Amino acid sequence: MELYNGIILKMSGLLDPRRGRGFYNTFHAHYPFLRFPLDHAFFSTDFKLRELKRLSNFNSDHFPIFIKIQYEAKASEQQEALIPDAEDIQEATEKKQEPTEI
């Protein structure tokens, strides 16, 4: 999952609030041995993360995630998005050209 997210982050220029902050497994809330980070939230470098936490289960198979971000005019000068290299661009181009099933 991290590899896939890395490509998304590089190609979009967005930030993942979980990156560098540990595990925030959101699925499966009822089976601790099957948990992984299925749900995602990304934001631009114009915002700063203020708070991130996984909340208690409310009878769903997903845990809710609370994310508090704040717009800051100089935030993009203080944090950097990942930058795609030639290999990333080639992979994204190939993925876009693959037929999709409906």
PDB file of N, CA and C in Angstrom:
ATOM      1  N   MET A   1       0.828  -1.187   0.000  1.00  0.00           N
ATOM      2  CA  MET A   1       0.000   0.000   0.000  1.00  0.00           C
ATOM      3  C   MET A   1       0.871   1.249   0.000  1.00  0.00           C
ATOM      4  N   GLU A   2       1.984   1.225   0.701  1.00  0.00           N
ATOM      5  CA  GLU A   2       2.864   2.396   0.769  1.00  0.00           C
ATOM      6  C   GLU A   2       3.411   2.744  -0.607  1.00  0.00           C
ATOM      7  N   LEU A   3       3.775   1.746  -1.397  1.00  0.00           N
ATOM      8  CA  LEU A   3       4.292   2.013  -2.741  1.00  0.00           C
ATOM      9  C   LEU A   3       3.239   2.716  -3.584  1.00  0.00           C
ATOM     10  N   TYR A   4       2.024   2.226  -3.540  1.00  0.00           N
ATOM     11  CA  TYR A   4       0.932   2.835  -4.304  1.00  0.00           C
ATOM     12  C   TYR A   4       0.695   4.273  -3.851  1.00  0.00           C
ATOM     13  N   ASN A   5       0.654   4.492  -2.531  1.00  0.00           N
ATOM     14  CA  ASN A   5       0.461   5.845  -2.005  1.00  0.00           C
ATOM     15  C   ASN A   5       1.612   6.743  -2.388  1.00  0.00           C
ATOM     16  N   GLY A   6       2.825   6.200  -2.416  1.00  0.00           N
ATOM     17  CA  GLY A   6       3.980   7.004  -2.809  1.00  0.00           C
ATOM     18  C   GLY A   6       3.824   7.555  -4.209  1.00  0.00           C
ATOM     19  N   ILE A   7       3.328   6.743  -5.139  1.00  0.00           N
ATOM     20  CA  ILE A   7       3.104   7.192  -6.514  1.00  0.00           C
ATOM     21  C   ILE A   7       2.011   8.257  -6.551  1.00  0.00           C
ATOM     22  N   ILE A   8       0.933   8.029  -5.817  1.00  0.00           N
ATOM     23  CA  ILE A   8      -0.155   9.009  -5.756  1.00  0.00           C
ATOM     24  C   ILE A   8       0.373  10.340  -5.221  1.00  0.00           C
ATOM     25  N   LEU A   9       1.133  10.276  -4.142  1.00  0.00           N
ATOM     26  CA  LEU A   9       1.649  11.505  -3.538  1.00  0.00           C
ATOM     27  C   LEU A   9       2.623  12.219  -4.470  1.00  0.00           C
ATOM     28  N   LYS A  10       3.466  11.469  -5.139  1.00  0.00           N
ATOM     29  CA  LYS A  10       4.427  12.086  -6.059  1.00  0.00           C
ATOM     30  C   LYS A  10       3.742  12.737  -7.247  1.00  0.00           C
ATOM     31  N   MET A  11       2.786  12.060  -7.825  1.00  0.00           N
ATOM     32  CA  MET A  11       2.132  12.579  -9.026  1.00  0.00           C
ATOM     33  C   MET A  11       1.158  13.717  -8.715  1.00  0.00           C
ATOM     34  N   SER A  12       0.572  13.719  -7.538  1.00  0.00           N
ATOM     35  CA  SER A  12      -0.413  14.745  -7.200  1.00  0.00           C
ATOM     36  C   SER A  12       0.190  15.960  -6.508  1.00  0.00           C
ATOM     37  N   GLY A  13       1.332  15.768  -5.846  1.00  0.00           N
ATOM     38  CA  GLY A  13       1.919  16.854  -5.068  1.00  0.00           C
ATOM     39  C   GLY A  13       1.220  17.067  -3.736  1.00  0.00           C
ATOM     40  N   LEU A  14       0.386  16.103  -3.330  1.00  0.00           N
ATOM     41  CA  LEU A  14      -0.351  16.211  -2.075  1.00  0.00           C
ATOM     42  C   LEU A  14       0.415  15.552  -0.933  1.00  0.00           C
ATOM     43  N   LEU A  15      -0.002  15.838   0.282  1.00  0.00           N
ATOM     44  CA  LEU A  15       0.613  15.275   1.483  1.00  0.00           C
ATOM     45  C   LEU A  15      -0.326  14.258   2.119  1.00  0.00           C
ATOM     46  N   ASP A  16       0.261  13.237   2.744  1.00  0.00           N
ATOM     47  CA  ASP A  16      -0.483  12.239   3.505  1.00  0.00           C
ATOM     48  C   ASP A  16      -0.235  12.547   4.981  1.00  0.00           C
ATOM     49  N   PRO A  17      -1.272  12.887   5.749  1.00  0.00           N
ATOM     50  CA  PRO A  17      -1.054  13.264   7.149  1.00  0.00           C
ATOM     51  C   PRO A  17      -0.495  12.140   8.015  1.00  0.00           C
ATOM     52  N   ARG A  18      -0.608  10.896   7.579  1.00  0.00           N
ATOM     53  CA  ARG A  18      -0.086   9.775   8.365  1.00  0.00           C
ATOM     54  C   ARG A  18       1.415   9.600   8.190  1.00  0.00           C
ATOM     55  N   ARG A  19       1.949  10.074   7.100  1.00  0.00           N
ATOM     56  CA  ARG A  19       3.352   9.835   6.755  1.00  0.00           C
ATOM     57  C   ARG A  19       4.283  10.336   7.866  1.00  0.00           C
ATOM     58  N   GLY A  20       5.084   9.404   8.392  1.00  0.00           N
ATOM     59  CA  GLY A  20       6.027   9.721   9.450  1.00  0.00           C
ATOM     60  C   GLY A  20       5.423   9.807  10.840  1.00  0.00           C
ATOM     61  N   ARG A  21       4.160   9.428  10.980  1.00  0.00           N
ATOM     62  CA  ARG A  21       3.485   9.553  12.273  1.00  0.00           C
ATOM     63  C   ARG A  21       2.999   8.214  12.818  1.00  0.00           C
ATOM     64  N   GLY A  22       3.378   7.125  12.225  1.00  0.00           N
ATOM     65  CA  GLY A  22       2.979   5.819  12.726  1.00  0.00           C
ATOM     66  C   GLY A  22       1.839   5.209  11.939  1.00  0.00           C
ATOM     67  N   PHE A  23       1.283   4.143  12.501  1.00  0.00           N
ATOM     68  CA  PHE A  23       0.224   3.400  11.835  1.00  0.00           C
ATOM     69  C   PHE A  23      -1.153   3.939  12.234  1.00  0.00           C
ATOM     70  N   TYR A  24      -1.979   4.160  11.244  1.00  0.00           N
ATOM     71  CA  TYR A  24      -3.370   4.561  11.472  1.00  0.00           C
ATOM     72  C   TYR A  24      -4.256   3.602  10.685  1.00  0.00           C
ATOM     73  N   ASN A  25      -4.335   2.388  11.210  1.00  0.00           N
ATOM     74  CA  ASN A  25      -5.138   1.364  10.555  1.00  0.00           C
ATOM     75  C   ASN A  25      -6.616   1.691  10.733  1.00  0.00           C
ATOM     76  N   THR A  26      -7.336   1.692   9.626  1.00  0.00           N
ATOM     77  CA  THR A  26      -8.753   2.052   9.679  1.00  0.00           C
ATOM     78  C   THR A  26      -9.684   0.868   9.434  1.00  0.00           C
ATOM     79  N   PHE A  27      -9.152  -0.234   8.945  1.00  0.00           N
ATOM     80  CA  PHE A  27      -9.977  -1.387   8.601  1.00  0.00           C
ATOM     81  C   PHE A  27      -9.204  -2.643   8.992  1.00  0.00           C
ATOM     82  N   HIS A  28      -9.711  -3.577   9.561  1.00  0.00           N
ATOM     83  CA  HIS A  28     -11.030  -3.986   9.941  1.00  0.00           C
ATOM     84  C   HIS A  28     -11.179  -3.782  11.449  1.00  0.00           C
ATOM     85  N   ALA A  29     -12.169  -3.012  11.844  1.00  0.00           N
ATOM     86  CA  ALA A  29     -12.358  -2.626  13.241  1.00  0.00           C
ATOM     87  C   ALA A  29     -12.705  -3.804  14.154  1.00  0.00           C
ATOM     88  N   HIS A  30     -13.273  -4.859  13.600  1.00  0.00           N
ATOM     89  CA  HIS A  30     -13.716  -5.985  14.428  1.00  0.00           C
ATOM     90  C   HIS A  30     -12.671  -7.094  14.558  1.00  0.00           C
ATOM     91  N   TYR A  31     -11.634  -7.079  13.729  1.00  0.00           N
ATOM     92  CA  TYR A  31     -10.625  -8.139  13.750  1.00  0.00           C
ATOM     93  C   TYR A  31      -9.227  -7.525  13.836  1.00  0.00           C
ATOM     94  N   PRO A  32      -8.649  -7.460  15.037  1.00  0.00           N
ATOM     95  CA  PRO A  32      -7.348  -6.814  15.218  1.00  0.00           C
ATOM     96  C   PRO A  32      -6.226  -7.383  14.343  1.00  0.00           C
ATOM     97  N   PHE A  33      -6.271  -8.655  14.024  1.00  0.00           N
ATOM     98  CA  PHE A  33      -5.209  -9.275  13.226  1.00  0.00           C
ATOM     99  C   PHE A  33      -5.345  -8.997  11.728  1.00  0.00           C
ATOM    100  N   LEU A  34      -6.424  -8.357  11.299  1.00  0.00           N
ATOM    101  CA  LEU A  34      -6.639  -8.037   9.882  1.00  0.00           C
ATOM    102  C   LEU A  34      -6.595  -6.532   9.605  1.00  0.00           C
ATOM    103  N   ARG A  35      -6.056  -5.742  10.478  1.00  0.00           N
ATOM    104  CA  ARG A  35      -6.115  -4.283  10.323  1.00  0.00           C
ATOM    105  C   ARG A  35      -5.039  -3.748   9.384  1.00  0.00           C
ATOM    106  N   PHE A  36      -5.467  -2.776   8.585  1.00  0.00           N
ATOM    107  CA  PHE A  36      -4.531  -2.067   7.701  1.00  0.00           C
ATOM    108  C   PHE A  36      -5.130  -0.715   7.332  1.00  0.00           C
ATOM    109  N   PRO A  37      -4.322   0.212   6.818  1.00  0.00           N
ATOM    110  CA  PRO A  37      -4.804   1.566   6.485  1.00  0.00           C
ATOM    111  C   PRO A  37      -5.504   1.598   5.140  1.00  0.00           C
ATOM    112  N   LEU A  38      -6.803   1.362   5.139  1.00  0.00           N
ATOM    113  CA  LEU A  38      -7.585   1.315   3.909  1.00  0.00           C
ATOM    114  C   LEU A  38      -8.075   2.691   3.476  1.00  0.00           C
ATOM    115  N   ASP A  39      -8.400   3.543   4.425  1.00  0.00           N
ATOM    116  CA  ASP A  39      -8.979   4.852   4.130  1.00  0.00           C
ATOM    117  C   ASP A  39      -7.880   5.922   4.119  1.00  0.00           C
ATOM    118  N   HIS A  40      -8.010   6.884   3.218  1.00  0.00           N
ATOM    119  CA  HIS A  40      -6.951   7.885   3.036  1.00  0.00           C
ATOM    120  C   HIS A  40      -7.519   9.294   2.975  1.00  0.00           C
ATOM    121  N   ALA A  41      -6.705  10.236   3.354  1.00  0.00           N
ATOM    122  CA  ALA A  41      -7.015  11.657   3.202  1.00  0.00           C
ATOM    123  C   ALA A  41      -5.727  12.348   2.789  1.00  0.00           C
ATOM    124  N   PHE A  42      -5.789  13.146   1.755  1.00  0.00           N
ATOM    125  CA  PHE A  42      -4.622  13.873   1.272  1.00  0.00           C
ATOM    126  C   PHE A  42      -4.954  15.354   1.229  1.00  0.00           C
ATOM    127  N   PHE A  43      -3.951  16.207   1.418  1.00  0.00           N
ATOM    128  CA  PHE A  43      -4.185  17.645   1.339  1.00  0.00           C
ATOM    129  C   PHE A  43      -2.969  18.330   0.742  1.00  0.00           C
ATOM    130  N   SER A  44      -3.175  19.560   0.273  1.00  0.00           N
ATOM    131  CA  SER A  44      -2.099  20.286  -0.396  1.00  0.00           C
ATOM    132  C   SER A  44      -1.113  20.856   0.613  1.00  0.00           C
ATOM    133  N   THR A  45       0.035  21.287   0.114  1.00  0.00           N
ATOM    134  CA  THR A  45       1.074  21.864   0.966  1.00  0.00           C
ATOM    135  C   THR A  45       0.678  23.228   1.517  1.00  0.00           C
ATOM    136  N   ASP A  46      -0.475  23.752   1.126  1.00  0.00           N
ATOM    137  CA  ASP A  46      -0.971  25.021   1.661  1.00  0.00           C
ATOM    138  C   ASP A  46      -1.581  24.864   3.056  1.00  0.00           C
ATOM    139  N   PHE A  47      -1.724  23.623   3.503  1.00  0.00           N
ATOM    140  CA  PHE A  47      -2.335  23.342   4.796  1.00  0.00           C
ATOM    141  C   PHE A  47      -1.322  22.687   5.719  1.00  0.00           C
ATOM    142  N   LYS A  48      -1.490  22.909   7.014  1.00  0.00           N
ATOM    143  CA  LYS A  48      -0.670  22.261   8.030  1.00  0.00           C
ATOM    144  C   LYS A  48      -1.566  21.349   8.859  1.00  0.00           C
ATOM    145  N   LEU A  49      -1.038  20.194   9.197  1.00  0.00           N
ATOM    146  CA  LEU A  49      -1.766  19.262  10.051  1.00  0.00           C
ATOM    147  C   LEU A  49      -1.741  19.769  11.488  1.00  0.00           C
ATOM    148  N   ARG A  50      -2.894  19.852  12.107  1.00  0.00           N
ATOM    149  CA  ARG A  50      -3.007  20.287  13.501  1.00  0.00           C
ATOM    150  C   ARG A  50      -3.278  19.111  14.427  1.00  0.00           C
ATOM    151  N   GLU A  51      -4.042  18.130  13.947  1.00  0.00           N
ATOM    152  CA  GLU A  51      -4.372  16.991  14.792  1.00  0.00           C
ATOM    153  C   GLU A  51      -4.766  15.803  13.925  1.00  0.00           C
ATOM    154  N   LEU A  52      -4.352  14.626  14.363  1.00  0.00           N
ATOM    155  CA  LEU A  52      -4.678  13.379  13.664  1.00  0.00           C
ATOM    156  C   LEU A  52      -4.851  12.298  14.709  1.00  0.00           C
ATOM    157  N   LYS A  53      -6.016  11.645  14.707  1.00  0.00           N
ATOM    158  CA  LYS A  53      -6.209  10.538  15.640  1.00  0.00           C
ATOM    159  C   LYS A  53      -7.276   9.589  15.121  1.00  0.00           C
ATOM    160  N   ARG A  54      -7.090   8.328  15.483  1.00  0.00           N
ATOM    161  CA  ARG A  54      -8.103   7.321  15.180  1.00  0.00           C
ATOM    162  C   ARG A  54      -9.078   7.304  16.337  1.00  0.00           C
ATOM    163  N   LEU A  55     -10.356   7.382  16.018  1.00  0.00           N
ATOM    164  CA  LEU A  55     -11.397   7.417  17.037  1.00  0.00           C
ATOM    165  C   LEU A  55     -11.908   6.016  17.345  1.00  0.00           C
ATOM    166  N   SER A  56     -12.714   5.918  18.361  1.00  0.00           N
ATOM    167  CA  SER A  56     -13.288   4.631  18.763  1.00  0.00           C
ATOM    168  C   SER A  56     -14.295   4.142  17.728  1.00  0.00           C
ATOM    169  N   ASN A  57     -14.386   2.839  17.648  1.00  0.00           N
ATOM    170  CA  ASN A  57     -15.327   2.222  16.718  1.00  0.00           C
ATOM    171  C   ASN A  57     -16.764   2.550  17.120  1.00  0.00           C
ATOM    172  N   PHE A  58     -17.598   2.758  16.114  1.00  0.00           N
ATOM    173  CA  PHE A  58     -19.013   3.064  16.360  1.00  0.00           C
ATOM    174  C   PHE A  58     -19.896   2.047  15.659  1.00  0.00           C
ATOM    175  N   ASN A  59     -19.506   0.776  15.755  1.00  0.00           N
ATOM    176  CA  ASN A  59     -20.235  -0.354  15.174  1.00  0.00           C
ATOM    177  C   ASN A  59     -20.130  -0.390  13.654  1.00  0.00           C
ATOM    178  N   SER A  60     -18.988  -0.028  13.137  1.00  0.00           N
ATOM    179  CA  SER A  60     -18.694  -0.112  11.710  1.00  0.00           C
ATOM    180  C   SER A  60     -17.500  -1.037  11.536  1.00  0.00           C
ATOM    181  N   ASP A  61     -17.246  -1.472  10.315  1.00  0.00           N
ATOM    182  CA  ASP A  61     -16.037  -2.259  10.080  1.00  0.00           C
ATOM    183  C   ASP A  61     -14.819  -1.360   9.836  1.00  0.00           C
ATOM    184  N   HIS A  62     -15.033  -0.046   9.778  1.00  0.00           N
ATOM    185  CA  HIS A  62     -13.952   0.941   9.666  1.00  0.00           C
ATOM    186  C   HIS A  62     -13.884   1.775  10.936  1.00  0.00           C
ATOM    187  N   PHE A  63     -12.670   2.149  11.331  1.00  0.00           N
ATOM    188  CA  PHE A  63     -12.509   3.124  12.411  1.00  0.00           C
ATOM    189  C   PHE A  63     -12.620   4.522  11.817  1.00  0.00           C
ATOM    190  N   PRO A  64     -13.241   5.453  12.513  1.00  0.00           N
ATOM    191  CA  PRO A  64     -13.230   6.834  12.037  1.00  0.00           C
ATOM    192  C   PRO A  64     -11.868   7.474  12.313  1.00  0.00           C
ATOM    193  N   ILE A  65     -11.467   8.363  11.447  1.00  0.00           N
ATOM    194  CA  ILE A  65     -10.217   9.115  11.610  1.00  0.00           C
ATOM    195  C   ILE A  65     -10.573  10.584  11.704  1.00  0.00           C
ATOM    196  N   PHE A  66     -10.017  11.252  12.698  1.00  0.00           N
ATOM    197  CA  PHE A  66     -10.213  12.692  12.850  1.00  0.00           C
ATOM    198  C   PHE A  66      -8.959  13.394  12.348  1.00  0.00           C
ATOM    199  N   ILE A  67      -9.134  14.300  11.400  1.00  0.00           N
ATOM    200  CA  ILE A  67      -8.013  15.060  10.842  1.00  0.00           C
ATOM    201  C   ILE A  67      -8.370  16.538  10.901  1.00  0.00           C
ATOM    202  N   LYS A  68      -7.528  17.294  11.556  1.00  0.00           N
ATOM    203  CA  LYS A  68      -7.729  18.743  11.645  1.00  0.00           C
ATOM    204  C   LYS A  68      -6.565  19.409  10.921  1.00  0.00           C
ATOM    205  N   ILE A  69      -6.889  20.143   9.848  1.00  0.00           N
ATOM    206  CA  ILE A  69      -5.873  20.872   9.104  1.00  0.00           C
ATOM    207  C   ILE A  69      -6.221  22.355   9.114  1.00  0.00           C
ATOM    208  N   GLN A  70      -5.220  23.166   8.868  1.00  0.00           N
ATOM    209  CA  GLN A  70      -5.421  24.615   8.875  1.00  0.00           C
ATOM    210  C   GLN A  70      -4.655  25.229   7.715  1.00  0.00           C
ATOM    211  N   TYR A  71      -5.319  26.123   7.001  1.00  0.00           N
ATOM    212  CA  TYR A  71      -4.654  26.851   5.919  1.00  0.00           C
ATOM    213  C   TYR A  71      -3.644  27.816   6.523  1.00  0.00           C
ATOM    214  N   GLU A  72      -2.453  27.824   5.957  1.00  0.00           N
ATOM    215  CA  GLU A  72      -1.418  28.781   6.354  1.00  0.00           C
ATOM    216  C   GLU A  72      -0.744  29.285   5.092  1.00  0.00           C
ATOM    217  N   ALA A  73      -0.671  30.575   4.945  1.00  0.00           N
ATOM    218  CA  ALA A  73      -0.131  31.190   3.727  1.00  0.00           C
ATOM    219  C   ALA A  73       1.296  30.729   3.421  1.00  0.00           C
ATOM    220  N   LYS A  74       2.112  30.480   4.420  1.00  0.00           N
ATOM    221  CA  LYS A  74       3.513  30.098   4.200  1.00  0.00           C
ATOM    222  C   LYS A  74       3.765  28.608   4.420  1.00  0.00           C
ATOM    223  N   ALA A  75       2.716  27.831   4.547  1.00  0.00           N
ATOM    224  CA  ALA A  75       2.874  26.400   4.809  1.00  0.00           C
ATOM    225  C   ALA A  75       3.665  25.707   3.712  1.00  0.00           C
ATOM    226  N   SER A  76       3.437  26.079   2.450  1.00  0.00           N
ATOM    227  CA  SER A  76       4.131  25.411   1.345  1.00  0.00           C
ATOM    228  C   SER A  76       5.635  25.685   1.362  1.00  0.00           C
ATOM    229  N   GLU A  77       6.072  26.710   2.063  1.00  0.00           N
ATOM    230  CA  GLU A  77       7.504  26.993   2.199  1.00  0.00           C
ATOM    231  C   GLU A  77       8.126  26.149   3.306  1.00  0.00           C
ATOM    232  N   GLN A  78       7.295  25.584   4.183  1.00  0.00           N
ATOM    233  CA  GLN A  78       7.780  24.840   5.341  1.00  0.00           C
ATOM    234  C   GLN A  78       7.690  23.323   5.180  1.00  0.00           C
ATOM    235  N   GLN A  79       7.007  22.865   4.141  1.00  0.00           N
ATOM    236  CA  GLN A  79       6.867  21.422   3.920  1.00  0.00           C
ATOM    237  C   GLN A  79       6.911  21.149   2.428  1.00  0.00           C
ATOM    238  N   GLU A  80       7.470  20.008   2.098  1.00  0.00           N
ATOM    239  CA  GLU A  80       7.645  19.666   0.689  1.00  0.00           C
ATOM    240  C   GLU A  80       6.841  18.439   0.305  1.00  0.00           C
ATOM    241  N   ALA A  81       6.252  18.498  -0.856  1.00  0.00           N
ATOM    242  CA  ALA A  81       5.590  17.331  -1.430  1.00  0.00           C
ATOM    243  C   ALA A  81       6.660  16.443  -2.059  1.00  0.00           C
ATOM    244  N   LEU A  82       6.339  15.182  -2.240  1.00  0.00           N
ATOM    245  CA  LEU A  82       7.248  14.278  -2.949  1.00  0.00           C
ATOM    246  C   LEU A  82       7.281  14.659  -4.425  1.00  0.00           C
ATOM    247  N   ILE A  83       8.409  14.438  -5.069  1.00  0.00           N
ATOM    248  CA  ILE A  83       8.574  14.807  -6.477  1.00  0.00           C
ATOM    249  C   ILE A  83       8.751  13.537  -7.310  1.00  0.00           C
ATOM    250  N   PRO A  84       7.974  13.393  -8.383  1.00  0.00           N
ATOM    251  CA  PRO A  84       8.101  12.188  -9.207  1.00  0.00           C
ATOM    252  C   PRO A  84       9.396  12.213 -10.019  1.00  0.00           C
ATOM    253  N   ASP A  85       9.993  11.033 -10.180  1.00  0.00           N
ATOM    254  CA  ASP A  85      11.145  10.915 -11.070  1.00  0.00           C
ATOM    255  C   ASP A  85      10.664  10.321 -12.395  1.00  0.00           C
ATOM    256  N   ALA A  86      11.567  10.107 -13.324  1.00  0.00           N
ATOM    257  CA  ALA A  86      11.200   9.618 -14.654  1.00  0.00           C
ATOM    258  C   ALA A  86      10.483   8.265 -14.579  1.00  0.00           C
ATOM    259  N   GLU A  87      10.926   7.400 -13.680  1.00  0.00           N
ATOM    260  CA  GLU A  87      10.309   6.077 -13.527  1.00  0.00           C
ATOM    261  C   GLU A  87       8.859   6.204 -13.034  1.00  0.00           C
ATOM    262  N   ASP A  88       8.619   7.113 -12.100  1.00  0.00           N
ATOM    263  CA  ASP A  88       7.265   7.339 -11.594  1.00  0.00           C
ATOM    264  C   ASP A  88       6.349   7.843 -12.710  1.00  0.00           C
ATOM    265  N   ILE A  89       6.845   8.770 -13.501  1.00  0.00           N
ATOM    266  CA  ILE A  89       6.061   9.332 -14.601  1.00  0.00           C
ATOM    267  C   ILE A  89       5.743   8.262 -15.633  1.00  0.00           C
ATOM    268  N   GLN A  90       6.719   7.416 -15.926  1.00  0.00           N
ATOM    269  CA  GLN A  90       6.506   6.321 -16.878  1.00  0.00           C
ATOM    270  C   GLN A  90       5.451   5.355 -16.346  1.00  0.00           C
ATOM    271  N   GLU A  91       5.547   5.005 -15.074  1.00  0.00           N
ATOM    272  CA  GLU A  91       4.567   4.081 -14.466  1.00  0.00           C
ATOM    273  C   GLU A  91       3.163   4.674 -14.490  1.00  0.00           C
ATOM    274  N   ALA A  92       3.043   5.951 -14.172  1.00  0.00           N
ATOM    275  CA  ALA A  92       1.735   6.607 -14.180  1.00  0.00           C
ATOM    276  C   ALA A  92       1.164   6.646 -15.599  1.00  0.00           C
ATOM    277  N   THR A  93       2.001   6.908 -16.580  1.00  0.00           N
ATOM    278  CA  THR A  93       1.563   6.939 -17.981  1.00  0.00           C
ATOM    279  C   THR A  93       1.036   5.574 -18.404  1.00  0.00           C
ATOM    280  N   GLU A  94       1.760   4.528 -18.025  1.00  0.00           N
ATOM    281  CA  GLU A  94       1.329   3.168 -18.360  1.00  0.00           C
ATOM    282  C   GLU A  94       0.000   2.831 -17.682  1.00  0.00           C
ATOM    283  N   LYS A  95      -0.156   3.219 -16.422  1.00  0.00           N
ATOM    284  CA  LYS A  95      -1.396   2.946 -15.696  1.00  0.00           C
ATOM    285  C   LYS A  95      -2.584   3.653 -16.346  1.00  0.00           C
ATOM    286  N   LYS A  96      -2.366   4.883 -16.798  1.00  0.00           N
ATOM    287  CA  LYS A  96      -3.449   5.635 -17.440  1.00  0.00           C
ATOM    288  C   LYS A  96      -3.869   4.992 -18.754  1.00  0.00           C
ATOM    289  N   GLN A  97      -2.951   4.301 -19.420  1.00  0.00           N
ATOM    290  CA  GLN A  97      -3.255   3.707 -20.712  1.00  0.00           C
ATOM    291  C   GLN A  97      -3.867   2.317 -20.591  1.00  0.00           C
ATOM    292  N   GLU A  98      -3.831   1.715 -19.412  1.00  0.00           N
ATOM    293  CA  GLU A  98      -4.406   0.401 -19.223  1.00  0.00           C
ATOM    294  C   GLU A  98      -5.925   0.471 -19.326  1.00  0.00           C
ATOM    295  N   PRO A  99      -6.541  -0.524 -19.968  1.00  0.00           N
ATOM    296  CA  PRO A  99      -8.008  -0.538 -20.025  1.00  0.00           C
ATOM    297  C   PRO A  99      -8.598  -0.763 -18.636  1.00  0.00           C
ATOM    298  N   THR A 100      -9.708  -0.147 -18.381  1.00  0.00           N
ATOM    299  CA  THR A 100     -10.378  -0.317 -17.103  1.00  0.00           C
ATOM    300  C   THR A 100     -11.643  -1.152 -17.275  1.00  0.00           C
ATOM    301  N   GLU A 101     -11.935  -1.923 -16.250  1.00  0.00           N
ATOM    302  CA  GLU A 101     -13.144  -2.745 -16.283  1.00  0.00           C
ATOM    303  C   GLU A 101     -14.263  -1.997 -15.599  1.00  0.00           C
ATOM    304  N   ILE A 102     -15.453  -2.127 -16.163  1.00  0.00           N
ATOM    305  CA  ILE A 102     -16.613  -1.479 -15.564  1.00  0.00           C
ATOM    306  C   ILE A 102     -17.529  -2.513 -14.983  1.00  0.00           C
TER     307      ILE A 102
END
